[in-house]
C-alpha cells in the first residue's frame, strides 16, 4: 500500500528528505518518537538495502508492486540498470508535473493527474504512473488553469529542473531530456536497490 501518513515523520524515520527540501530533517535529524534520538543500532546489509529501497519508493510515492514492475523494465534497458531505473521513475507523469512546478509535492501532482487536470500532447491522461517520452508536452487543461493550488505552487518554485522546459504563461512544459545521475537525489544508493532485487528475483 502507498504511504499516506505524515511526510515529515516518514522523512525523519528514513533520515532522508522525501520532499527534496531538507526541511523535514533540518531541525530534528533523528527518527520520530521518544526513542528516536537513541536509535543507533548498526543496520545489516539486508537492512541497508531495504532502507534504500524504501527511501526511493517513498521519494517517488509509489507502492511495492509498481516499484518492482519498473525495476524489471529497467533491467531490460541498455543503460546501467540503476540509472535506467531512476530515469524511468523520473519519467512518470506525476513526477514531471511536480518537476515542472505545477504542484508543490508529488502527492499533489498525483491528485492533479487523478482529477483530470493534466494533458499529455493535448490529450487528457489521468494515470499518475503514465510513463512519458522525451519531447512529450505536458500542460494544464484549459478549464483548470485558474486553480489556486497551481498558481501558488508556481509562485513558490525556487529552482527549475534541467530536464524540463516550462512556459509559465501557458501552463505548459516539455520533457526535453533524460536526467543525468548527478542531477538526481544524491542520498539514494541505487546499487543497494539493485542488490535487494537481485536477491529477491
N, C-alpha and C. Protein backbone atom coordinates (compact mmCIF):
# COMPACT_ATOMS: atom_id res chain seq x y z
N UNK A 1 0.83 -1.20 0.00
CA UNK A 1 0.00 0.00 0.00
C UNK A 1 0.87 1.26 0.00
N UNK A 2 0.35 2.32 -0.64
CA UNK A 2 1.07 3.58 -0.64
C UNK A 2 0.95 4.25 0.71
N UNK A 3 2.06 4.82 1.17
CA UNK A 3 2.08 5.52 2.46
C UNK A 3 1.23 6.78 2.36
N UNK A 4 0.37 7.02 3.35
CA UNK A 4 -0.49 8.20 3.34
C UNK A 4 -0.34 9.03 4.62
N UNK A 5 0.64 8.71 5.44
CA UNK A 5 0.85 9.43 6.69
C UNK A 5 1.65 10.70 6.50
N UNK A 6 2.24 11.18 7.59
CA UNK A 6 2.99 12.42 7.59
C UNK A 6 4.30 12.30 6.81
N UNK A 7 4.51 13.22 5.86
CA UNK A 7 5.76 13.24 5.11
C UNK A 7 6.95 13.51 6.03
N UNK A 8 6.71 14.34 7.05
CA UNK A 8 7.81 14.72 7.95
C UNK A 8 8.25 13.53 8.78
N UNK A 9 7.30 12.76 9.34
CA UNK A 9 7.65 11.59 10.13
C UNK A 9 8.35 10.55 9.27
N UNK A 10 7.85 10.37 8.07
CA UNK A 10 8.44 9.41 7.15
C UNK A 10 9.89 9.79 6.84
N UNK A 11 10.12 11.05 6.55
CA UNK A 11 11.46 11.51 6.23
C UNK A 11 12.41 11.35 7.41
N UNK A 12 11.94 11.67 8.61
CA UNK A 12 12.79 11.55 9.80
C UNK A 12 13.11 10.08 10.08
N UNK A 13 12.14 9.19 9.85
CA UNK A 13 12.38 7.77 10.08
C UNK A 13 13.45 7.23 9.13
N UNK A 14 13.42 7.72 7.89
CA UNK A 14 14.38 7.25 6.89
C UNK A 14 15.68 8.05 6.91
N UNK A 15 15.69 9.19 7.63
CA UNK A 15 16.87 10.05 7.65
C UNK A 15 17.15 10.67 6.29
N UNK A 16 16.06 11.04 5.60
CA UNK A 16 16.17 11.45 4.21
C UNK A 16 14.98 12.33 3.86
N UNK A 17 15.21 13.44 3.17
CA UNK A 17 14.13 14.36 2.81
C UNK A 17 13.37 13.86 1.59
N UNK A 18 12.20 13.27 1.82
CA UNK A 18 11.40 12.77 0.70
C UNK A 18 10.73 13.90 -0.09
N UNK A 19 10.72 15.11 0.48
CA UNK A 19 10.19 16.27 -0.24
C UNK A 19 11.28 17.01 -1.00
N UNK A 20 12.53 16.56 -0.83
CA UNK A 20 13.70 17.13 -1.50
C UNK A 20 13.95 18.59 -1.12
N UNK A 21 13.43 18.98 0.04
CA UNK A 21 13.64 20.35 0.52
C UNK A 21 14.63 20.39 1.67
N UNK A 22 14.78 19.26 2.38
CA UNK A 22 15.65 19.20 3.54
C UNK A 22 15.02 19.73 4.80
N UNK A 23 13.82 20.30 4.69
CA UNK A 23 13.18 20.92 5.86
C UNK A 23 12.78 19.90 6.92
N UNK A 24 12.39 18.68 6.46
CA UNK A 24 11.87 17.70 7.42
C UNK A 24 12.91 17.25 8.44
N UNK A 25 14.17 17.22 8.02
CA UNK A 25 15.22 16.70 8.90
C UNK A 25 16.16 17.79 9.41
N UNK A 26 15.92 19.04 9.04
CA UNK A 26 16.85 20.12 9.41
C UNK A 26 16.90 20.36 10.91
N UNK A 27 15.74 20.47 11.56
CA UNK A 27 15.71 20.78 12.99
C UNK A 27 15.89 19.55 13.87
N UNK A 28 15.34 18.41 13.40
CA UNK A 28 15.42 17.18 14.20
C UNK A 28 15.90 16.03 13.33
N UNK A 29 17.21 15.94 13.13
CA UNK A 29 17.78 14.92 12.25
C UNK A 29 17.86 13.53 12.88
N UNK A 30 16.76 13.08 13.43
CA UNK A 30 16.70 11.75 14.04
C UNK A 30 15.28 11.23 13.89
N UNK A 31 15.09 9.96 14.18
CA UNK A 31 13.80 9.33 14.00
C UNK A 31 12.72 9.91 14.89
N UNK A 32 11.44 9.74 14.50
CA UNK A 32 10.34 10.25 15.31
C UNK A 32 10.12 9.42 16.56
N UNK A 33 9.39 9.95 17.51
CA UNK A 33 9.09 9.21 18.73
C UNK A 33 10.08 9.51 19.84
N UNK A 34 9.74 9.06 21.05
CA UNK A 34 10.57 9.38 22.22
C UNK A 34 11.93 8.70 22.20
N UNK A 35 12.07 7.62 21.42
CA UNK A 35 13.35 6.92 21.36
C UNK A 35 14.13 7.23 20.08
N UNK A 36 13.63 8.18 19.30
CA UNK A 36 14.25 8.48 18.01
C UNK A 36 15.70 8.89 18.10
N UNK A 37 16.05 9.67 19.12
CA UNK A 37 17.43 10.18 19.26
C UNK A 37 18.41 9.04 19.50
N UNK A 38 17.98 8.00 20.19
CA UNK A 38 18.90 6.93 20.60
C UNK A 38 18.94 5.73 19.67
N UNK A 39 18.32 5.83 18.51
CA UNK A 39 18.33 4.70 17.58
C UNK A 39 19.64 4.68 16.80
N UNK A 40 20.63 3.98 17.33
CA UNK A 40 21.95 3.97 16.70
C UNK A 40 22.39 2.56 16.33
N UNK A 41 21.48 1.61 16.34
CA UNK A 41 21.81 0.24 16.01
C UNK A 41 22.31 0.15 14.57
N UNK A 42 23.45 -0.50 14.39
CA UNK A 42 24.03 -0.62 13.06
C UNK A 42 23.21 -1.58 12.22
N UNK A 43 22.82 -1.12 11.02
CA UNK A 43 21.97 -1.94 10.16
C UNK A 43 22.78 -3.02 9.47
N UNK A 44 22.15 -4.16 9.21
CA UNK A 44 22.77 -5.24 8.45
C UNK A 44 22.78 -4.86 6.97
N UNK A 45 23.46 -5.65 6.15
CA UNK A 45 23.47 -5.39 4.71
C UNK A 45 22.04 -5.43 4.16
N UNK A 46 21.30 -6.43 4.60
CA UNK A 46 19.89 -6.54 4.21
C UNK A 46 19.12 -5.29 4.63
N UNK A 47 19.36 -4.83 5.85
CA UNK A 47 18.68 -3.66 6.37
C UNK A 47 19.00 -2.41 5.57
N UNK A 48 20.28 -2.26 5.20
CA UNK A 48 20.68 -1.08 4.40
C UNK A 48 20.01 -1.10 3.04
N UNK A 49 19.94 -2.28 2.43
CA UNK A 49 19.30 -2.40 1.12
C UNK A 49 17.82 -2.07 1.21
N UNK A 50 17.18 -2.55 2.27
CA UNK A 50 15.76 -2.30 2.48
C UNK A 50 15.49 -0.81 2.65
N UNK A 51 16.34 -0.14 3.44
CA UNK A 51 16.16 1.29 3.67
C UNK A 51 16.31 2.08 2.38
N UNK A 52 17.30 1.72 1.55
CA UNK A 52 17.49 2.43 0.28
C UNK A 52 16.29 2.25 -0.63
N UNK A 53 15.74 1.04 -0.63
CA UNK A 53 14.54 0.79 -1.44
C UNK A 53 13.37 1.62 -0.93
N UNK A 54 13.22 1.67 0.39
CA UNK A 54 12.13 2.44 0.98
C UNK A 54 12.29 3.94 0.71
N UNK A 55 13.52 4.42 0.80
CA UNK A 55 13.78 5.83 0.54
C UNK A 55 13.36 6.21 -0.88
N UNK A 56 13.75 5.38 -1.83
CA UNK A 56 13.46 5.67 -3.24
C UNK A 56 11.96 5.56 -3.51
N UNK A 57 11.33 4.52 -2.97
CA UNK A 57 9.89 4.32 -3.18
C UNK A 57 9.09 5.46 -2.55
N UNK A 58 9.50 5.90 -1.36
CA UNK A 58 8.79 6.98 -0.69
C UNK A 58 9.04 8.32 -1.38
N UNK A 59 10.25 8.51 -1.90
CA UNK A 59 10.56 9.74 -2.61
C UNK A 59 9.61 9.94 -3.79
N UNK A 60 9.43 8.87 -4.58
CA UNK A 60 8.59 8.97 -5.76
C UNK A 60 7.13 8.61 -5.48
N UNK A 61 6.85 8.17 -4.25
CA UNK A 61 5.46 7.92 -3.84
C UNK A 61 4.79 6.77 -4.54
N UNK A 62 5.50 5.65 -4.70
CA UNK A 62 4.91 4.51 -5.39
C UNK A 62 4.93 3.27 -4.49
N UNK A 63 4.03 2.34 -4.77
CA UNK A 63 3.94 1.14 -3.95
C UNK A 63 4.89 0.05 -4.44
N UNK A 64 4.98 -1.02 -3.69
CA UNK A 64 5.93 -2.08 -3.99
C UNK A 64 5.66 -2.74 -5.33
N UNK A 65 4.41 -2.97 -5.68
CA UNK A 65 4.09 -3.62 -6.95
C UNK A 65 4.57 -2.79 -8.13
N UNK A 66 4.30 -1.49 -8.08
CA UNK A 66 4.75 -0.60 -9.15
C UNK A 66 6.28 -0.51 -9.19
N UNK A 67 6.87 -0.42 -8.01
CA UNK A 67 8.32 -0.30 -7.89
C UNK A 67 9.01 -1.50 -8.54
N UNK A 68 8.53 -2.68 -8.23
CA UNK A 68 9.09 -3.91 -8.78
C UNK A 68 8.91 -3.98 -10.30
N UNK A 69 7.73 -3.57 -10.77
CA UNK A 69 7.46 -3.61 -12.21
C UNK A 69 8.43 -2.69 -12.97
N UNK A 70 8.66 -1.49 -12.43
CA UNK A 70 9.57 -0.55 -13.09
C UNK A 70 11.01 -1.04 -13.03
N UNK A 71 11.37 -1.72 -11.96
CA UNK A 71 12.72 -2.29 -11.87
C UNK A 71 12.93 -3.34 -12.97
N UNK A 72 11.94 -4.17 -13.20
CA UNK A 72 12.05 -5.20 -14.23
C UNK A 72 12.16 -4.58 -15.63
N UNK A 73 11.49 -3.45 -15.83
CA UNK A 73 11.62 -2.73 -17.10
C UNK A 73 13.04 -2.19 -17.23
N UNK A 74 13.58 -1.65 -16.14
CA UNK A 74 14.93 -1.07 -16.16
C UNK A 74 15.99 -2.13 -16.47
N UNK A 75 15.78 -3.35 -15.99
CA UNK A 75 16.76 -4.41 -16.23
C UNK A 75 16.91 -4.73 -17.71
N UNK A 76 15.91 -4.43 -18.50
CA UNK A 76 15.94 -4.72 -19.92
C UNK A 76 16.61 -3.61 -20.74
N UNK A 77 16.84 -2.47 -20.09
CA UNK A 77 17.44 -1.33 -20.78
C UNK A 77 18.94 -1.55 -21.02
N UNK A 78 19.48 -0.89 -22.04
CA UNK A 78 20.90 -1.00 -22.34
C UNK A 78 21.74 -0.16 -21.38
N UNK A 79 21.12 0.88 -20.81
CA UNK A 79 21.82 1.72 -19.83
C UNK A 79 22.04 0.94 -18.54
N UNK A 80 23.02 1.36 -17.75
CA UNK A 80 23.25 0.77 -16.43
C UNK A 80 21.93 0.71 -15.68
N UNK A 81 21.63 -0.43 -15.09
CA UNK A 81 20.31 -0.66 -14.50
C UNK A 81 19.90 0.40 -13.49
N UNK A 82 20.81 0.79 -12.61
CA UNK A 82 20.47 1.78 -11.58
C UNK A 82 20.04 3.10 -12.18
N UNK A 83 20.80 3.60 -13.16
CA UNK A 83 20.45 4.87 -13.79
C UNK A 83 19.17 4.72 -14.61
N UNK A 84 19.04 3.61 -15.31
CA UNK A 84 17.82 3.37 -16.10
C UNK A 84 16.59 3.38 -15.20
N UNK A 85 16.73 2.78 -14.02
CA UNK A 85 15.62 2.70 -13.07
C UNK A 85 15.22 4.10 -12.61
N UNK A 86 16.19 4.92 -12.23
CA UNK A 86 15.89 6.28 -11.77
C UNK A 86 15.29 7.12 -12.89
N UNK A 87 15.77 6.91 -14.11
CA UNK A 87 15.22 7.66 -15.24
C UNK A 87 13.76 7.29 -15.51
N UNK A 88 13.44 6.01 -15.35
CA UNK A 88 12.05 5.59 -15.52
C UNK A 88 11.17 6.23 -14.46
N UNK A 89 11.65 6.27 -13.22
CA UNK A 89 10.90 6.91 -12.15
C UNK A 89 10.69 8.40 -12.45
N UNK A 90 11.72 9.04 -13.00
CA UNK A 90 11.63 10.45 -13.34
C UNK A 90 10.67 10.72 -14.49
N UNK A 91 10.43 9.73 -15.33
CA UNK A 91 9.57 9.93 -16.50
C UNK A 91 8.09 9.71 -16.20
N UNK A 92 7.77 9.32 -14.95
CA UNK A 92 6.35 9.19 -14.58
C UNK A 92 5.66 10.55 -14.68
N UNK A 93 4.42 10.54 -15.10
CA UNK A 93 3.69 11.79 -15.30
C UNK A 93 3.58 12.60 -14.01
N UNK A 94 3.27 11.94 -12.89
CA UNK A 94 3.14 12.70 -11.65
C UNK A 94 4.45 13.38 -11.27
N UNK A 95 5.58 12.71 -11.51
CA UNK A 95 6.87 13.30 -11.19
C UNK A 95 7.15 14.51 -12.08
N UNK A 96 6.83 14.41 -13.37
CA UNK A 96 7.09 15.52 -14.29
C UNK A 96 6.19 16.73 -13.98
N UNK A 97 4.95 16.48 -13.58
CA UNK A 97 4.07 17.57 -13.17
C UNK A 97 4.68 18.29 -11.96
N UNK A 98 5.25 17.51 -11.04
CA UNK A 98 5.94 18.08 -9.89
C UNK A 98 7.20 18.84 -10.31
N UNK A 99 8.01 18.23 -11.17
CA UNK A 99 9.24 18.88 -11.63
C UNK A 99 8.97 20.19 -12.35
N UNK A 100 7.84 20.27 -13.04
CA UNK A 100 7.51 21.48 -13.78
C UNK A 100 6.95 22.58 -12.89
N UNK A 101 6.69 22.24 -11.62
CA UNK A 101 6.24 23.24 -10.67
C UNK A 101 4.74 23.43 -10.60
N UNK A 102 3.98 22.55 -11.26
CA UNK A 102 2.52 22.67 -11.22
C UNK A 102 1.95 22.18 -9.88
N UNK A 103 2.76 21.47 -9.11
CA UNK A 103 2.37 21.01 -7.78
C UNK A 103 3.58 21.10 -6.86
N UNK A 104 3.34 21.36 -5.58
CA UNK A 104 4.44 21.51 -4.63
C UNK A 104 5.06 20.18 -4.24
N UNK A 105 4.28 19.12 -4.31
CA UNK A 105 4.75 17.78 -3.95
C UNK A 105 4.30 16.78 -5.00
N UNK A 106 4.91 15.60 -4.98
CA UNK A 106 4.47 14.56 -5.91
C UNK A 106 3.07 14.07 -5.55
N UNK A 107 2.76 14.09 -4.28
CA UNK A 107 1.40 13.70 -3.86
C UNK A 107 0.38 14.67 -4.46
N UNK A 108 0.69 15.97 -4.41
CA UNK A 108 -0.19 16.96 -5.02
C UNK A 108 -0.29 16.79 -6.52
N UNK A 109 0.84 16.42 -7.14
CA UNK A 109 0.85 16.19 -8.59
C UNK A 109 -0.04 15.01 -8.95
N UNK A 110 0.00 13.96 -8.13
CA UNK A 110 -0.85 12.80 -8.39
C UNK A 110 -2.33 13.18 -8.34
N UNK A 111 -2.68 14.06 -7.41
CA UNK A 111 -4.07 14.49 -7.31
C UNK A 111 -4.49 15.27 -8.56
N UNK A 112 -3.61 16.14 -9.05
CA UNK A 112 -3.94 16.89 -10.27
C UNK A 112 -4.18 15.95 -11.43
N UNK A 113 -3.33 14.95 -11.56
CA UNK A 113 -3.47 13.99 -12.66
C UNK A 113 -4.74 13.15 -12.47
N UNK A 114 -4.93 12.63 -11.28
CA UNK A 114 -6.12 11.79 -11.00
C UNK A 114 -7.43 12.51 -11.29
N UNK A 115 -7.46 13.82 -11.03
CA UNK A 115 -8.68 14.60 -11.19
C UNK A 115 -8.86 15.14 -12.61
N UNK A 116 -7.98 14.73 -13.51
CA UNK A 116 -8.15 15.07 -14.92
C UNK A 116 -7.73 16.47 -15.32
N UNK A 117 -6.85 17.10 -14.53
CA UNK A 117 -6.42 18.47 -14.84
C UNK A 117 -5.23 18.53 -15.80
N UNK A 118 -4.65 17.38 -16.14
CA UNK A 118 -3.39 17.37 -16.89
C UNK A 118 -3.56 16.73 -18.27
N UNK A 119 -2.92 17.35 -19.26
CA UNK A 119 -2.91 16.83 -20.62
C UNK A 119 -1.49 16.43 -21.01
N UNK A 120 -1.38 15.38 -21.81
CA UNK A 120 -0.10 14.99 -22.40
C UNK A 120 -0.27 15.02 -23.91
N UNK A 121 0.48 15.90 -24.55
CA UNK A 121 0.36 16.09 -26.00
C UNK A 121 -1.09 16.39 -26.40
N UNK A 122 -1.76 17.19 -25.56
CA UNK A 122 -3.10 17.63 -25.87
C UNK A 122 -4.22 16.68 -25.48
N UNK A 123 -3.88 15.52 -24.93
CA UNK A 123 -4.90 14.54 -24.55
C UNK A 123 -4.89 14.32 -23.04
N UNK A 124 -6.09 14.22 -22.46
CA UNK A 124 -6.18 14.04 -21.02
C UNK A 124 -5.62 12.68 -20.62
N UNK A 125 -4.74 12.69 -19.62
CA UNK A 125 -4.20 11.46 -19.05
C UNK A 125 -4.41 11.56 -17.54
N UNK A 126 -5.19 10.62 -16.99
CA UNK A 126 -5.48 10.67 -15.55
C UNK A 126 -4.83 9.51 -14.79
N UNK A 127 -3.72 9.01 -15.34
CA UNK A 127 -2.97 7.92 -14.71
C UNK A 127 -1.62 8.46 -14.26
N UNK A 128 -1.40 8.67 -12.96
CA UNK A 128 -0.14 9.25 -12.48
C UNK A 128 1.10 8.45 -12.87
N UNK A 129 0.95 7.13 -13.02
CA UNK A 129 2.10 6.28 -13.34
C UNK A 129 2.42 6.24 -14.84
N UNK A 130 1.67 6.97 -15.64
CA UNK A 130 1.90 7.01 -17.09
C UNK A 130 3.35 7.42 -17.36
N UNK A 131 4.05 6.65 -18.18
CA UNK A 131 5.45 6.93 -18.49
C UNK A 131 5.56 7.81 -19.73
N UNK A 132 6.10 8.99 -19.54
CA UNK A 132 6.25 9.95 -20.64
C UNK A 132 7.53 9.70 -21.42
N UNK A 133 7.53 10.17 -22.66
CA UNK A 133 8.70 10.09 -23.52
C UNK A 133 9.32 11.48 -23.64
N UNK A 134 10.62 11.50 -23.97
CA UNK A 134 11.28 12.78 -24.21
C UNK A 134 10.55 13.50 -25.35
N UNK A 135 10.36 14.79 -25.20
CA UNK A 135 9.65 15.68 -26.12
C UNK A 135 8.14 15.68 -25.93
N UNK A 136 7.64 14.90 -24.98
CA UNK A 136 6.21 14.99 -24.65
C UNK A 136 5.92 16.36 -24.04
N UNK A 137 4.77 16.91 -24.41
CA UNK A 137 4.34 18.21 -23.88
C UNK A 137 3.26 17.97 -22.82
N UNK A 138 3.50 18.46 -21.64
CA UNK A 138 2.57 18.30 -20.51
C UNK A 138 1.98 19.66 -20.18
N UNK A 139 0.67 19.74 -20.14
CA UNK A 139 0.01 21.03 -19.92
C UNK A 139 -1.17 20.88 -18.98
N UNK A 140 -1.62 22.01 -18.48
CA UNK A 140 -2.80 22.05 -17.62
C UNK A 140 -4.02 22.31 -18.50
N UNK A 141 -5.08 21.54 -18.29
CA UNK A 141 -6.30 21.68 -19.06
C UNK A 141 -6.85 23.10 -18.96
N UNK A 142 -7.39 23.60 -20.04
CA UNK A 142 -7.85 24.99 -20.12
C UNK A 142 -8.78 25.36 -18.97
N UNK A 143 -9.71 24.48 -18.65
CA UNK A 143 -10.68 24.77 -17.59
C UNK A 143 -10.08 24.70 -16.19
N UNK A 144 -8.81 24.25 -16.09
CA UNK A 144 -8.16 24.10 -14.78
C UNK A 144 -7.07 25.14 -14.54
N UNK A 145 -6.85 26.03 -15.50
CA UNK A 145 -5.72 26.95 -15.42
C UNK A 145 -5.83 27.98 -14.31
N UNK A 146 -7.02 28.17 -13.77
CA UNK A 146 -7.19 29.15 -12.70
C UNK A 146 -7.15 28.52 -11.31
N UNK A 147 -6.76 27.25 -11.24
CA UNK A 147 -6.70 26.58 -9.95
C UNK A 147 -5.69 27.27 -9.04
N UNK A 148 -6.12 27.58 -7.83
CA UNK A 148 -5.27 28.29 -6.88
C UNK A 148 -4.02 27.49 -6.52
N UNK A 149 -4.17 26.16 -6.37
CA UNK A 149 -3.02 25.35 -5.95
C UNK A 149 -1.90 25.37 -6.99
N UNK A 150 -2.26 25.47 -8.26
CA UNK A 150 -1.25 25.52 -9.32
C UNK A 150 -0.53 26.86 -9.30
N UNK A 151 -1.29 27.93 -9.18
CA UNK A 151 -0.68 29.26 -9.14
C UNK A 151 0.25 29.41 -7.94
N UNK A 152 -0.20 28.95 -6.77
CA UNK A 152 0.63 29.05 -5.57
C UNK A 152 1.90 28.21 -5.69
N UNK A 153 1.78 27.05 -6.32
CA UNK A 153 2.95 26.20 -6.50
C UNK A 153 3.98 26.85 -7.40
N UNK A 154 3.53 27.42 -8.51
CA UNK A 154 4.46 28.08 -9.44
C UNK A 154 5.12 29.30 -8.79
N UNK A 155 4.36 30.01 -7.99
CA UNK A 155 4.91 31.19 -7.31
C UNK A 155 5.96 30.81 -6.27
N UNK A 156 5.83 29.62 -5.68
CA UNK A 156 6.76 29.20 -4.64
C UNK A 156 7.97 28.44 -5.20
N UNK A 157 7.95 28.16 -6.50
CA UNK A 157 9.02 27.37 -7.10
C UNK A 157 10.31 28.20 -7.15
N UNK A 158 11.36 27.68 -6.51
CA UNK A 158 12.61 28.42 -6.40
C UNK A 158 13.64 28.01 -7.47
N UNK A 159 13.64 26.76 -7.85
CA UNK A 159 14.61 26.29 -8.84
C UNK A 159 13.91 25.52 -9.95
N UNK A 160 14.47 25.59 -11.13
CA UNK A 160 13.93 24.86 -12.27
C UNK A 160 14.74 23.58 -12.49
N UNK A 161 14.05 22.50 -12.78
CA UNK A 161 14.74 21.24 -13.01
C UNK A 161 15.22 21.20 -14.46
N UNK A 162 16.48 20.81 -14.70
CA UNK A 162 17.07 20.94 -16.04
C UNK A 162 16.50 20.04 -17.13
N UNK A 163 15.72 19.04 -16.78
CA UNK A 163 15.21 18.13 -17.81
C UNK A 163 13.88 18.58 -18.40
N UNK A 164 13.33 19.69 -17.86
CA UNK A 164 12.05 20.18 -18.37
C UNK A 164 12.14 21.67 -18.68
N UNK A 165 11.41 22.07 -19.71
CA UNK A 165 11.25 23.49 -20.04
C UNK A 165 9.79 23.85 -19.76
N UNK A 166 9.57 24.94 -19.06
CA UNK A 166 8.22 25.31 -18.66
C UNK A 166 7.88 26.71 -19.14
N UNK A 167 6.71 26.84 -19.75
CA UNK A 167 6.16 28.14 -20.12
C UNK A 167 5.08 28.45 -19.09
N UNK A 168 5.42 29.30 -18.13
CA UNK A 168 4.51 29.59 -17.02
C UNK A 168 3.24 30.28 -17.50
N UNK A 169 3.35 31.12 -18.53
CA UNK A 169 2.17 31.83 -19.02
C UNK A 169 1.17 30.88 -19.67
N UNK A 170 1.65 29.86 -20.32
CA UNK A 170 0.77 28.88 -20.97
C UNK A 170 0.42 27.70 -20.06
N UNK A 171 1.10 27.61 -18.90
CA UNK A 171 0.98 26.45 -18.02
C UNK A 171 1.23 25.17 -18.81
N UNK A 172 2.40 25.18 -19.43
CA UNK A 172 2.76 24.07 -20.32
C UNK A 172 4.26 23.82 -20.21
N UNK A 173 4.64 22.56 -20.23
CA UNK A 173 6.05 22.22 -20.15
C UNK A 173 6.40 21.07 -21.06
N UNK A 174 7.69 20.97 -21.40
CA UNK A 174 8.18 19.90 -22.27
C UNK A 174 9.25 19.10 -21.55
N UNK A 175 9.14 17.79 -21.64
CA UNK A 175 10.15 16.87 -21.11
C UNK A 175 11.27 16.82 -22.15
N UNK A 176 12.34 17.62 -21.95
CA UNK A 176 13.32 17.82 -23.01
C UNK A 176 14.41 16.75 -23.08
N UNK A 177 14.72 16.14 -21.94
CA UNK A 177 15.76 15.11 -21.97
C UNK A 177 15.73 14.28 -20.69
N UNK A 178 16.39 13.12 -20.75
CA UNK A 178 16.52 12.29 -19.56
C UNK A 178 17.56 12.92 -18.62
N UNK A 179 17.39 12.76 -17.31
CA UNK A 179 18.34 13.35 -16.36
C UNK A 179 19.65 12.56 -16.29
N UNK A 180 20.71 13.25 -15.94
CA UNK A 180 21.98 12.59 -15.62
C UNK A 180 21.95 12.23 -14.14
N UNK A 181 22.81 11.28 -13.76
CA UNK A 181 22.78 10.82 -12.36
C UNK A 181 23.05 11.94 -11.38
N UNK A 182 23.97 12.86 -11.72
CA UNK A 182 24.31 13.92 -10.77
C UNK A 182 23.21 14.97 -10.61
N UNK A 183 22.13 14.84 -11.38
CA UNK A 183 21.01 15.76 -11.26
C UNK A 183 19.90 15.20 -10.38
N UNK A 184 20.09 13.96 -9.93
CA UNK A 184 19.07 13.28 -9.13
C UNK A 184 19.52 13.17 -7.68
N UNK A 185 18.62 12.68 -6.83
CA UNK A 185 18.87 12.60 -5.39
C UNK A 185 20.19 11.92 -5.08
N UNK A 186 21.08 12.64 -4.42
CA UNK A 186 22.41 12.12 -4.10
C UNK A 186 22.38 11.19 -2.89
N UNK A 187 21.31 11.26 -2.10
CA UNK A 187 21.23 10.45 -0.88
C UNK A 187 20.67 9.06 -1.12
N UNK A 188 20.41 8.72 -2.37
CA UNK A 188 19.91 7.38 -2.70
C UNK A 188 21.03 6.57 -3.33
N UNK A 189 21.26 5.39 -2.80
CA UNK A 189 22.27 4.48 -3.34
C UNK A 189 21.55 3.41 -4.15
N UNK A 190 21.41 3.65 -5.44
CA UNK A 190 20.63 2.73 -6.27
C UNK A 190 21.28 1.35 -6.39
N UNK A 191 22.59 1.26 -6.15
CA UNK A 191 23.27 -0.04 -6.21
C UNK A 191 22.71 -0.97 -5.13
N UNK A 192 22.36 -0.41 -3.97
CA UNK A 192 21.78 -1.20 -2.89
C UNK A 192 20.40 -1.73 -3.29
N UNK A 193 19.66 -0.92 -4.05
CA UNK A 193 18.33 -1.33 -4.51
C UNK A 193 18.47 -2.48 -5.52
N UNK A 194 19.46 -2.36 -6.39
CA UNK A 194 19.70 -3.42 -7.38
C UNK A 194 20.04 -4.72 -6.66
N UNK A 195 20.88 -4.62 -5.63
CA UNK A 195 21.26 -5.81 -4.87
C UNK A 195 20.03 -6.42 -4.18
N UNK A 196 19.18 -5.57 -3.65
CA UNK A 196 17.96 -6.05 -2.99
C UNK A 196 17.14 -6.91 -3.95
N UNK A 197 16.89 -6.38 -5.14
CA UNK A 197 16.04 -7.11 -6.08
C UNK A 197 16.75 -8.32 -6.68
N UNK A 198 18.04 -8.24 -6.82
CA UNK A 198 18.78 -9.41 -7.33
C UNK A 198 18.65 -10.58 -6.35
N UNK A 199 18.53 -10.26 -5.07
CA UNK A 199 18.34 -11.31 -4.06
C UNK A 199 16.93 -11.86 -4.09
N UNK A 200 15.97 -11.01 -4.50
CA UNK A 200 14.57 -11.41 -4.47
C UNK A 200 14.13 -12.18 -5.72
N UNK A 201 14.76 -11.86 -6.86
CA UNK A 201 14.32 -12.43 -8.13
C UNK A 201 14.98 -13.78 -8.42
